[in-house]
Amino acid sequence: WNHLHFQHHAKPNCFRKDPDVNMHPLFFALGKNLSVELGVQKKK
């Protein structure tokens, strides 16, 4: 818990630094900017 949660508090919602948003892009397209990035790269 400490290992994951301290990373979250240090960089909340920062992709590849906050483990709580690691579900992007395999399952969900999180956030407006990252979603556009997937569209440009045509990753479906």
All heavy atoms as atom14 arrays in JSON, in Angstrom:
{
  "sequence": "WNHLHFQHHAKPNCFRKDPDVNMHPLFFALGKNLSVELGVQKKK",
  "atom14_mask": [
    [1, 1, 1, 1, 1, 1, 1, 1, 1, 1, 1, 1, 1, 1],
    [1, 1, 1, 1, 1, 1, 1, 1, 0, 0, 0, 0, 0, 0],
    [1, 1, 1, 1, 1, 1, 1, 1, 1, 1, 0, 0, 0, 0],
    [1, 1, 1, 1, 1, 1, 1, 1, 0, 0, 0, 0, 0, 0],
    [1, 1, 1, 1, 1, 1, 1, 1, 1, 1, 0, 0, 0, 0],
    [1, 1, 1, 1, 1, 1, 1, 1, 1, 1, 1, 0, 0, 0],
    [1, 1, 1, 1, 1, 1, 1, 1, 1, 0, 0, 0, 0, 0],
    [1, 1, 1, 1, 1, 1, 1, 1, 1, 1, 0, 0, 0, 0],
    [1, 1, 1, 1, 1, 1, 1, 1, 1, 1, 0, 0, 0, 0],
    [1, 1, 1, 1, 1, 0, 0, 0, 0, 0, 0, 0, 0, 0],
    [1, 1, 1, 1, 1, 1, 1, 1, 1, 0, 0, 0, 0, 0],
    [1, 1, 1, 1, 1, 1, 1, 0, 0, 0, 0, 0, 0, 0],
    [1, 1, 1, 1, 1, 1, 1, 1, 0, 0, 0, 0, 0, 0],
    [1, 1, 1, 1, 1, 1, 0, 0, 0, 0, 0, 0, 0, 0],
    [1, 1, 1, 1, 1, 1, 1, 1, 1, 1, 1, 0, 0, 0],
    [1, 1, 1, 1, 1, 1, 1, 1, 1, 1, 1, 0, 0, 0],
    [1, 1, 1, 1, 1, 1, 1, 1, 1, 0, 0, 0, 0, 0],
    [1, 1, 1, 1, 1, 1, 1, 1, 0, 0, 0, 0, 0, 0],
    [1, 1, 1, 1, 1, 1, 1, 0, 0, 0, 0, 0, 0, 0],
    [1, 1, 1, 1, 1, 1, 1, 1, 0, 0, 0, 0, 0, 0],
    [1, 1, 1, 1, 1, 1, 1, 0, 0, 0, 0, 0, 0, 0],
    [1, 1, 1, 1, 1, 1, 1, 1, 0, 0, 0, 0, 0, 0],
    [1, 1, 1, 1, 1, 1, 1, 1, 0, 0, 0, 0, 0, 0],
    [1, 1, 1, 1, 1, 1, 1, 1, 1, 1, 0, 0, 0, 0],
    [1, 1, 1, 1, 1, 1, 1, 0, 0, 0, 0, 0, 0, 0],
    [1, 1, 1, 1, 1, 1, 1, 1, 0, 0, 0, 0, 0, 0],
    [1, 1, 1, 1, 1, 1, 1, 1, 1, 1, 1, 0, 0, 0],
    [1, 1, 1, 1, 1, 1, 1, 1, 1, 1, 1, 0, 0, 0],
    [1, 1, 1, 1, 1, 0, 0, 0, 0, 0, 0, 0, 0, 0],
    [1, 1, 1, 1, 1, 1, 1, 1, 0, 0, 0, 0, 0, 0],
    [1, 1, 1, 1, 0, 0, 0, 0, 0, 0, 0, 0, 0, 0],
    [1, 1, 1, 1, 1, 1, 1, 1, 1, 0, 0, 0, 0, 0],
    [1, 1, 1, 1, 1, 1, 1, 1, 0, 0, 0, 0, 0, 0],
    [1, 1, 1, 1, 1, 1, 1, 1, 0, 0, 0, 0, 0, 0],
    [1, 1, 1, 1, 1, 1, 0, 0, 0, 0, 0, 0, 0, 0],
    [1, 1, 1, 1, 1, 1, 1, 0, 0, 0, 0, 0, 0, 0],
    [1, 1, 1, 1, 1, 1, 1, 1, 1, 0, 0, 0, 0, 0],
    [1, 1, 1, 1, 1, 1, 1, 1, 0, 0, 0, 0, 0, 0],
    [1, 1, 1, 1, 0, 0, 0, 0, 0, 0, 0, 0, 0, 0],
    [1, 1, 1, 1, 1, 1, 1, 0, 0, 0, 0, 0, 0, 0],
    [1, 1, 1, 1, 1, 1, 1, 1, 1, 0, 0, 0, 0, 0],
    [1, 1, 1, 1, 1, 1, 1, 1, 1, 0, 0, 0, 0, 0],
    [1, 1, 1, 1, 1, 1, 1, 1, 1, 0, 0, 0, 0, 0],
    [1, 1, 1, 1, 1, 1, 1, 1, 1, 0, 0, 0, 0, 0]
  ],
  "atom14_positions": [
    [[0.83, -1.21, 0.0], [0.0, 0.0, 0.0], [0.86, 1.25, 0.0], [0.62, 2.19, -0.77], [-0.93, 0.0, 1.22], [-1.87, 1.17, 1.23], [-3.09, 1.25, 0.63], [-1.64, 2.44, 1.85], [-3.64, 2.49, 0.84], [-2.77, 3.24, 1.58], [-0.59, 2.98, 2.59], [-2.89, 4.55, 2.05], [-0.7, 4.29, 3.05], [-1.84, 5.07, 2.78]],
    [[1.89, 1.27, 0.85], [2.78, 2.43, 0.9], [3.46, 2.67, -0.44], [3.55, 3.81, -0.91], [3.84, 2.23, 1.99], [3.27, 2.3, 3.39], [2.28, 2.99, 3.63], [3.88, 1.59, 4.32], [0.0, 0.0, 0.0], [0.0, 0.0, 0.0], [0.0, 0.0, 0.0], [0.0, 0.0, 0.0], [0.0, 0.0, 0.0], [0.0, 0.0, 0.0]],
    [[3.93, 1.6, -1.06], [4.64, 1.71, -2.33], [3.77, 2.36, -3.4], [4.22, 3.25, -4.14], [5.09, 0.32, -2.78], [5.72, 0.29, -4.14], [6.98, 0.79, -4.39], [5.25, -0.18, -5.34], [7.26, 0.65, -5.68], [6.23, 0.05, -6.27], [0.0, 0.0, 0.0], [0.0, 0.0, 0.0], [0.0, 0.0, 0.0], [0.0, 0.0, 0.0]],
    [[2.51, 1.93, -3.5], [1.62, 2.46, -4.53], [1.05, 3.82, -4.15], [1.01, 4.75, -4.97], [0.46, 1.48, -4.77], [0.8, 0.12, -5.38], [-0.46, -0.7, -5.54], [1.49, 0.3, -6.72], [0.0, 0.0, 0.0], [0.0, 0.0, 0.0], [0.0, 0.0, 0.0], [0.0, 0.0, 0.0], [0.0, 0.0, 0.0], [0.0, 0.0, 0.0]],
    [[0.64, 3.96, -2.91], [-0.09, 5.16, -2.51], [0.81, 6.39, -2.43], [0.37, 7.5, -2.74], [-0.79, 4.94, -1.16], [-1.93, 5.88, -0.93], [-3.07, 5.88, -1.72], [-2.11, 6.87, -0.02], [-3.9, 6.81, -1.29], [-3.35, 7.42, -0.26], [0.0, 0.0, 0.0], [0.0, 0.0, 0.0], [0.0, 0.0, 0.0], [0.0, 0.0, 0.0]],
    [[2.05, 6.21, -2.04], [2.96, 7.36, -1.99], [3.27, 7.88, -3.39], [3.44, 9.08, -3.59], [4.25, 6.98, -1.26], [4.05, 6.73, 0.22], [5.1, 6.26, 1.01], [2.83, 6.95, 0.82], [4.92, 6.03, 2.36], [2.65, 6.72, 2.18], [3.69, 6.25, 2.95], [0.0, 0.0, 0.0], [0.0, 0.0, 0.0], [0.0, 0.0, 0.0]],
    [[3.34, 6.97, -4.36], [3.52, 7.41, -5.75], [2.3, 8.21, -6.21], [2.44, 9.22, -6.91], [3.7, 6.2, -6.66], [4.98, 5.42, -6.46], [5.06, 4.24, -7.41], [5.25, 4.41, -8.61], [4.9, 3.04, -6.88], [0.0, 0.0, 0.0], [0.0, 0.0, 0.0], [0.0, 0.0, 0.0], [0.0, 0.0, 0.0], [0.0, 0.0, 0.0]],
    [[1.13, 7.73, -5.82], [-0.09, 8.43, -6.21], [-0.11, 9.85, -5.65], [-0.46, 10.8, -6.36], [-1.31, 7.65, -5.7], [-2.57, 8.45, -5.7], [-3.21, 8.85, -6.86], [-3.32, 8.95, -4.68], [-4.29, 9.55, -6.55], [-4.38, 9.62, -5.24], [0.0, 0.0, 0.0], [0.0, 0.0, 0.0], [0.0, 0.0, 0.0], [0.0, 0.0, 0.0]],
    [[0.26, 10.02, -4.4], [0.23, 11.35, -3.8], [1.32, 12.26, -4.36], [1.14, 13.47, -4.41], [0.36, 11.25, -2.28], [-0.96, 11.14, -1.59], [-1.64, 12.23, -1.1], [-1.74, 10.06, -1.32], [-2.78, 11.84, -0.56], [-2.86, 10.52, -0.67], [0.0, 0.0, 0.0], [0.0, 0.0, 0.0], [0.0, 0.0, 0.0], [0.0, 0.0, 0.0]],
    [[2.42, 11.68, -4.77], [3.5, 12.51, -5.33], [3.14, 13.06, -6.7], [3.4, 14.22, -7.01], [4.79, 11.69, -5.41], [0.0, 0.0, 0.0], [0.0, 0.0, 0.0], [0.0, 0.0, 0.0], [0.0, 0.0, 0.0], [0.0, 0.0, 0.0], [0.0, 0.0, 0.0], [0.0, 0.0, 0.0], [0.0, 0.0, 0.0], [0.0, 0.0, 0.0]],
    [[2.51, 12.22, -7.52], [2.17, 12.62, -8.9], [0.76, 12.15, -9.26], [0.57, 11.3, -10.13], [3.17, 12.01, -9.89], [4.6, 12.51, -9.75], [4.74, 13.96, -10.24], [6.2, 14.42, -10.18], [6.35, 15.81, -10.7], [0.0, 0.0, 0.0], [0.0, 0.0, 0.0], [0.0, 0.0, 0.0], [0.0, 0.0, 0.0], [0.0, 0.0, 0.0]],
    [[-0.27, 12.7, -8.63], [-1.63, 12.24, -8.91], [-2.04, 12.52, -10.35], [-1.79, 13.6, -10.89], [-2.5, 13.04, -7.92], [-1.69, 14.27, -7.62], [-0.26, 13.81, -7.66], [0.0, 0.0, 0.0], [0.0, 0.0, 0.0], [0.0, 0.0, 0.0], [0.0, 0.0, 0.0], [0.0, 0.0, 0.0], [0.0, 0.0, 0.0], [0.0, 0.0, 0.0]],
    [[-2.65, 11.5, -10.97], [-3.17, 11.58, -12.34], [-2.09, 11.82, -13.39], [-2.39, 12.24, -14.51], [-4.23, 12.68, -12.46], [-5.59, 12.22, -11.93], [-5.69, 11.17, -11.3], [-6.62, 12.99, -12.19], [0.0, 0.0, 0.0], [0.0, 0.0, 0.0], [0.0, 0.0, 0.0], [0.0, 0.0, 0.0], [0.0, 0.0, 0.0], [0.0, 0.0, 0.0]],
    [[-0.82, 11.56, -13.04], [0.26, 11.65, -14.02], [0.48, 10.26, -14.63], [0.9, 9.33, -13.92], [1.55, 12.15, -13.38], [1.48, 13.91, -12.92], [0.0, 0.0, 0.0], [0.0, 0.0, 0.0], [0.0, 0.0, 0.0], [0.0, 0.0, 0.0], [0.0, 0.0, 0.0], [0.0, 0.0, 0.0], [0.0, 0.0, 0.0], [0.0, 0.0, 0.0]],
    [[0.22, 10.14, -15.9], [0.34, 8.85, -16.59], [1.76, 8.31, -16.47], [2.72, 9.03, -16.67], [-0.07, 9.03, -18.05], [-0.04, 7.77, -18.85], [-0.54, 6.58, -18.35], [0.5, 7.75, -20.13], [-0.53, 5.41, -19.09], [0.53, 6.58, -20.89], [0.01, 5.41, -20.36], [0.0, 0.0, 0.0], [0.0, 0.0, 0.0], [0.0, 0.0, 0.0]],
    [[1.86, 7.01, -16.15], [3.11, 6.27, -15.96], [3.84, 6.64, -14.66], [4.91, 6.11, -14.4], [4.06, 6.45, -17.15], [3.5, 5.82, -18.43], [4.58, 5.61, -19.47], [4.03, 4.9, -20.63], [4.12, 5.33, -21.89], [4.75, 6.44, -22.16], [3.59, 4.63, -22.87], [0.0, 0.0, 0.0], [0.0, 0.0, 0.0], [0.0, 0.0, 0.0]],
    [[3.28, 7.54, -13.85], [3.87, 7.86, -12.55], [2.87, 7.62, -11.41], [3.29, 7.32, -10.29], [4.38, 9.3, -12.53], [5.6, 9.53, -13.42], [6.22, 10.89, -13.2], [7.51, 11.02, -14.04], [8.16, 12.34, -13.85], [0.0, 0.0, 0.0], [0.0, 0.0, 0.0], [0.0, 0.0, 0.0], [0.0, 0.0, 0.0], [0.0, 0.0, 0.0]],
    [[1.6, 7.76, -11.71], [0.56, 7.47, -10.73], [0.0, 6.08, -11.04], [-0.66, 5.89, -12.06], [-0.55, 8.51, -10.81], [-1.68, 8.24, -9.83], [-1.59, 7.25, -9.06], [-2.66, 9.01, -9.83], [0.0, 0.0, 0.0], [0.0, 0.0, 0.0], [0.0, 0.0, 0.0], [0.0, 0.0, 0.0], [0.0, 0.0, 0.0], [0.0, 0.0, 0.0]],
    [[0.27, 5.08, -10.18], [-0.21, 3.72, -10.46], [-1.73, 3.6, -10.53], [-2.25, 2.64, -11.09], [0.37, 2.89, -9.31], [0.69, 3.87, -8.24], [1.03, 5.16, -8.91], [0.0, 0.0, 0.0], [0.0, 0.0, 0.0], [0.0, 0.0, 0.0], [0.0, 0.0, 0.0], [0.0, 0.0, 0.0], [0.0, 0.0, 0.0], [0.0, 0.0, 0.0]],
    [[-2.45, 4.56, -9.96], [-3.91, 4.5, -9.96], [-4.52, 4.74, -11.33], [-5.71, 4.47, -11.53], [-4.48, 5.51, -8.97], [-4.27, 5.09, -7.52], [-3.62, 4.05, -7.3], [-4.74, 5.8, -6.62], [0.0, 0.0, 0.0], [0.0, 0.0, 0.0], [0.0, 0.0, 0.0], [0.0, 0.0, 0.0], [0.0, 0.0, 0.0], [0.0, 0.0, 0.0]],
    [[-3.75, 5.28, -12.27], [-4.29, 5.5, -13.62], [-3.6, 4.6, -14.65], [-3.61, 4.88, -15.84], [-4.18, 6.99, -14.05], [-5.05, 7.87, -13.17], [-2.74, 7.47, -14.02], [0.0, 0.0, 0.0], [0.0, 0.0, 0.0], [0.0, 0.0, 0.0], [0.0, 0.0, 0.0], [0.0, 0.0, 0.0], [0.0, 0.0, 0.0], [0.0, 0.0, 0.0]],
    [[-3.01, 3.51, -14.17], [-2.31, 2.59, -15.08], [-3.25, 1.79, -15.96], [-2.8, 1.04, -16.82], [-1.42, 1.62, -14.28], [-0.08, 2.24, -13.95], [0.28, 3.28, -14.48], [0.67, 1.61, -13.05], [0.0, 0.0, 0.0], [0.0, 0.0, 0.0], [0.0, 0.0, 0.0], [0.0, 0.0, 0.0], [0.0, 0.0, 0.0], [0.0, 0.0, 0.0]],
    [[-4.57, 1.91, -15.75], [-5.53, 1.18, -16.58], [-5.58, 1.74, -18.0], [-6.08, 1.09, -18.92], [-6.91, 1.25, -15.94], [-7.51, 2.64, -15.86], [-9.05, 2.65, -14.93], [-8.45, 3.11, -13.3], [0.0, 0.0, 0.0], [0.0, 0.0, 0.0], [0.0, 0.0, 0.0], [0.0, 0.0, 0.0], [0.0, 0.0, 0.0], [0.0, 0.0, 0.0]],
    [[-5.08, 2.94, -18.21], [-5.01, 3.54, -19.55], [-3.74, 3.05, -20.24], [-2.68, 3.02, -19.62], [-4.96, 5.07, -19.4], [-4.72, 5.8, -20.69], [-5.76, 6.27, -21.46], [-3.59, 6.13, -21.36], [-5.26, 6.86, -22.53], [-3.95, 6.78, -22.49], [0.0, 0.0, 0.0], [0.0, 0.0, 0.0], [0.0, 0.0, 0.0], [0.0, 0.0, 0.0]],
    [[-3.78, 2.63, -21.51], [-4.93, 2.63, -22.43], [-5.5, 1.24, -22.69], [-6.25, 1.06, -23.64], [-4.3, 3.17, -23.71], [-2.93, 2.56, -23.7], [-2.52, 2.43, -22.24], [0.0, 0.0, 0.0], [0.0, 0.0, 0.0], [0.0, 0.0, 0.0], [0.0, 0.0, 0.0], [0.0, 0.0, 0.0], [0.0, 0.0, 0.0], [0.0, 0.0, 0.0]],
    [[-5.16, 0.25, -21.88], [-5.6, -1.12, -22.17], [-7.1, -1.29, -22.04], [-7.73, -1.99, -22.83], [-4.87, -2.1, -21.24], [-3.35, -2.2, -21.44], [-2.75, -3.17, -20.44], [-3.03, -2.63, -22.87], [0.0, 0.0, 0.0], [0.0, 0.0, 0.0], [0.0, 0.0, 0.0], [0.0, 0.0, 0.0], [0.0, 0.0, 0.0], [0.0, 0.0, 0.0]],
    [[-7.69, -0.65, -21.01], [-9.12, -0.81, -20.78], [-9.92, 0.47, -20.99], [-11.04, 0.45, -21.49], [-9.38, -1.34, -19.36], [-8.86, -2.72, -19.14], [-7.84, -2.96, -18.25], [-9.4, -3.79, -19.83], [-7.36, -4.25, -18.04], [-8.93, -5.08, -19.64], [-7.91, -5.31, -18.74], [0.0, 0.0, 0.0], [0.0, 0.0, 0.0], [0.0, 0.0, 0.0]],
    [[-9.33, 1.6, -20.59], [-10.06, 2.86, -20.64], [-9.17, 3.95, -21.22], [-7.96, 3.93, -21.03], [-10.55, 3.27, -19.25], [-11.32, 2.19, -18.55], [-10.74, 1.48, -17.5], [-12.61, 1.87, -18.93], [-11.44, 0.47, -16.86], [-13.31, 0.87, -18.3], [-12.73, 0.16, -17.25], [0.0, 0.0, 0.0], [0.0, 0.0, 0.0], [0.0, 0.0, 0.0]],
    [[-9.79, 4.9, -21.9], [-9.07, 6.09, -22.39], [-9.32, 7.21, -21.4], [-10.38, 7.82, -21.38], [-9.58, 6.48, -23.78], [0.0, 0.0, 0.0], [0.0, 0.0, 0.0], [0.0, 0.0, 0.0], [0.0, 0.0, 0.0], [0.0, 0.0, 0.0], [0.0, 0.0, 0.0], [0.0, 0.0, 0.0], [0.0, 0.0, 0.0], [0.0, 0.0, 0.0]],
    [[-8.34, 7.43, -20.55], [-8.52, 8.37, -19.44], [-8.04, 9.77, -19.82], [-6.95, 9.94, -20.36], [-7.74, 7.89, -18.22], [-8.1, 6.5, -17.69], [-7.21, 6.13, -16.52], [-9.56, 6.44, -17.28], [0.0, 0.0, 0.0], [0.0, 0.0, 0.0], [0.0, 0.0, 0.0], [0.0, 0.0, 0.0], [0.0, 0.0, 0.0], [0.0, 0.0, 0.0]],
    [[-8.84, 10.76, -19.49], [-8.42, 12.14, -19.71], [-8.56, 12.6, -21.15], [-8.48, 11.81, -22.09], [0.0, 0.0, 0.0], [0.0, 0.0, 0.0], [0.0, 0.0, 0.0], [0.0, 0.0, 0.0], [0.0, 0.0, 0.0], [0.0, 0.0, 0.0], [0.0, 0.0, 0.0], [0.0, 0.0, 0.0], [0.0, 0.0, 0.0], [0.0, 0.0, 0.0]],
    [[-8.77, 13.88, -21.32], [-8.98, 14.43, -22.66], [-7.71, 14.36, -23.51], [-7.77, 14.04, -24.7], [-9.45, 15.88, -22.53], [-10.81, 16.01, -21.84], [-11.22, 17.46, -21.71], [-12.58, 17.58, -21.02], [-12.99, 18.99, -20.84], [0.0, 0.0, 0.0], [0.0, 0.0, 0.0], [0.0, 0.0, 0.0], [0.0, 0.0, 0.0], [0.0, 0.0, 0.0]],
    [[-6.56, 14.66, -22.95], [-5.32, 14.68, -23.72], [-4.87, 13.29, -24.15], [-4.5, 13.07, -25.31], [-4.21, 15.36, -22.92], [-4.52, 16.81, -22.63], [-5.21, 17.47, -23.4], [-4.01, 17.33, -21.53], [0.0, 0.0, 0.0], [0.0, 0.0, 0.0], [0.0, 0.0, 0.0], [0.0, 0.0, 0.0], [0.0, 0.0, 0.0], [0.0, 0.0, 0.0]],
    [[-4.89, 12.32, -23.23], [-4.46, 10.97, -23.56], [-5.42, 10.31, -24.54], [-5.0, 9.51, -25.38], [-4.34, 10.13, -22.28], [-3.27, 10.56, -21.29], [-3.3, 9.67, -20.05], [-1.89, 10.52, -21.93], [0.0, 0.0, 0.0], [0.0, 0.0, 0.0], [0.0, 0.0, 0.0], [0.0, 0.0, 0.0], [0.0, 0.0, 0.0], [0.0, 0.0, 0.0]],
    [[-6.7, 10.64, -24.46], [-7.67, 10.08, -25.39], [-7.39, 10.56, -26.82], [-7.48, 9.78, -27.78], [-9.09, 10.49, -24.97], [-9.37, 10.05, -23.66], [0.0, 0.0, 0.0], [0.0, 0.0, 0.0], [0.0, 0.0, 0.0], [0.0, 0.0, 0.0], [0.0, 0.0, 0.0], [0.0, 0.0, 0.0], [0.0, 0.0, 0.0], [0.0, 0.0, 0.0]],
    [[-7.07, 11.84, -26.96], [-6.73, 12.39, -28.28], [-5.47, 11.71, -28.82], [-5.38, 11.38, -30.01], [-6.53, 13.91, -28.2], [-5.96, 14.46, -29.52], [-7.84, 14.61, -27.87], [0.0, 0.0, 0.0], [0.0, 0.0, 0.0], [0.0, 0.0, 0.0], [0.0, 0.0, 0.0], [0.0, 0.0, 0.0], [0.0, 0.0, 0.0], [0.0, 0.0, 0.0]],
    [[-4.5, 11.46, -27.94], [-3.26, 10.8, -28.35], [-3.55, 9.43, -28.95], [-2.98, 9.05, -29.97], [-2.33, 10.67, -27.16], [-1.02, 9.96, -27.47], [-0.17, 9.76, -26.23], [0.62, 10.65, -25.91], [-0.3, 8.71, -25.58], [0.0, 0.0, 0.0], [0.0, 0.0, 0.0], [0.0, 0.0, 0.0], [0.0, 0.0, 0.0], [0.0, 0.0, 0.0]],
    [[-4.44, 8.67, -28.33], [-4.8, 7.35, -28.86], [-5.46, 7.47, -30.22], [-5.22, 6.65, -31.11], [-5.75, 6.64, -27.89], [-5.16, 6.11, -26.58], [-6.24, 5.47, -25.73], [-4.06, 5.11, -26.86], [0.0, 0.0, 0.0], [0.0, 0.0, 0.0], [0.0, 0.0, 0.0], [0.0, 0.0, 0.0], [0.0, 0.0, 0.0], [0.0, 0.0, 0.0]],
    [[-6.29, 8.5, -30.38], [-6.95, 8.69, -31.66], [-5.96, 9.01, -32.76], [-6.06, 8.47, -33.87], [0.0, 0.0, 0.0], [0.0, 0.0, 0.0], [0.0, 0.0, 0.0], [0.0, 0.0, 0.0], [0.0, 0.0, 0.0], [0.0, 0.0, 0.0], [0.0, 0.0, 0.0], [0.0, 0.0, 0.0], [0.0, 0.0, 0.0], [0.0, 0.0, 0.0]],
    [[-4.98, 9.85, -32.47], [-3.97, 10.21, -33.45], [-3.13, 8.99, -33.84], [-2.8, 8.79, -35.01], [-3.06, 11.34, -32.91], [-1.9, 11.59, -33.84], [-3.88, 12.62, -32.72], [0.0, 0.0, 0.0], [0.0, 0.0, 0.0], [0.0, 0.0, 0.0], [0.0, 0.0, 0.0], [0.0, 0.0, 0.0], [0.0, 0.0, 0.0], [0.0, 0.0, 0.0]],
    [[-2.8, 8.18, -32.86], [-1.99, 6.99, -33.11], [-2.81, 5.82, -33.65], [-2.25, 4.79, -34.02], [-1.3, 6.55, -31.81], [-0.31, 7.56, -31.26], [0.27, 7.13, -29.92], [-0.15, 6.13, -29.34], [1.22, 7.89, -29.41], [0.0, 0.0, 0.0], [0.0, 0.0, 0.0], [0.0, 0.0, 0.0], [0.0, 0.0, 0.0], [0.0, 0.0, 0.0]],
    [[-4.13, 6.0, -33.7], [-5.05, 4.97, -34.19], [-4.89, 3.65, -33.43], [-4.88, 2.56, -34.02], [-4.87, 4.75, -35.7], [-5.12, 5.99, -36.54], [-5.08, 5.68, -38.02], [-5.24, 6.95, -38.84], [-6.48, 7.68, -38.53], [0.0, 0.0, 0.0], [0.0, 0.0, 0.0], [0.0, 0.0, 0.0], [0.0, 0.0, 0.0], [0.0, 0.0, 0.0]],
    [[-4.71, 3.75, -32.1], [-4.63, 2.57, -31.25], [-6.03, 2.24, -30.75], [-6.63, 3.02, -30.02], [-3.68, 2.81, -30.08], [-2.22, 2.91, -30.49], [-1.32, 3.02, -29.27], [0.15, 3.02, -29.67], [1.05, 3.13, -28.49], [0.0, 0.0, 0.0], [0.0, 0.0, 0.0], [0.0, 0.0, 0.0], [0.0, 0.0, 0.0], [0.0, 0.0, 0.0]],
    [[-6.53, 1.09, -31.16], [-7.9, 0.71, -30.82], [-7.91, -0.56, -29.98], [-8.26, -1.63, -30.46], [-8.72, 0.53, -32.1], [-8.81, 1.79, -32.95], [-9.59, 1.54, -34.23], [-9.65, 2.81, -35.08], [-10.39, 2.58, -36.35], [0.0, 0.0, 0.0], [0.0, 0.0, 0.0], [0.0, 0.0, 0.0], [0.0, 0.0, 0.0], [0.0, 0.0, 0.0]]
  ]
}
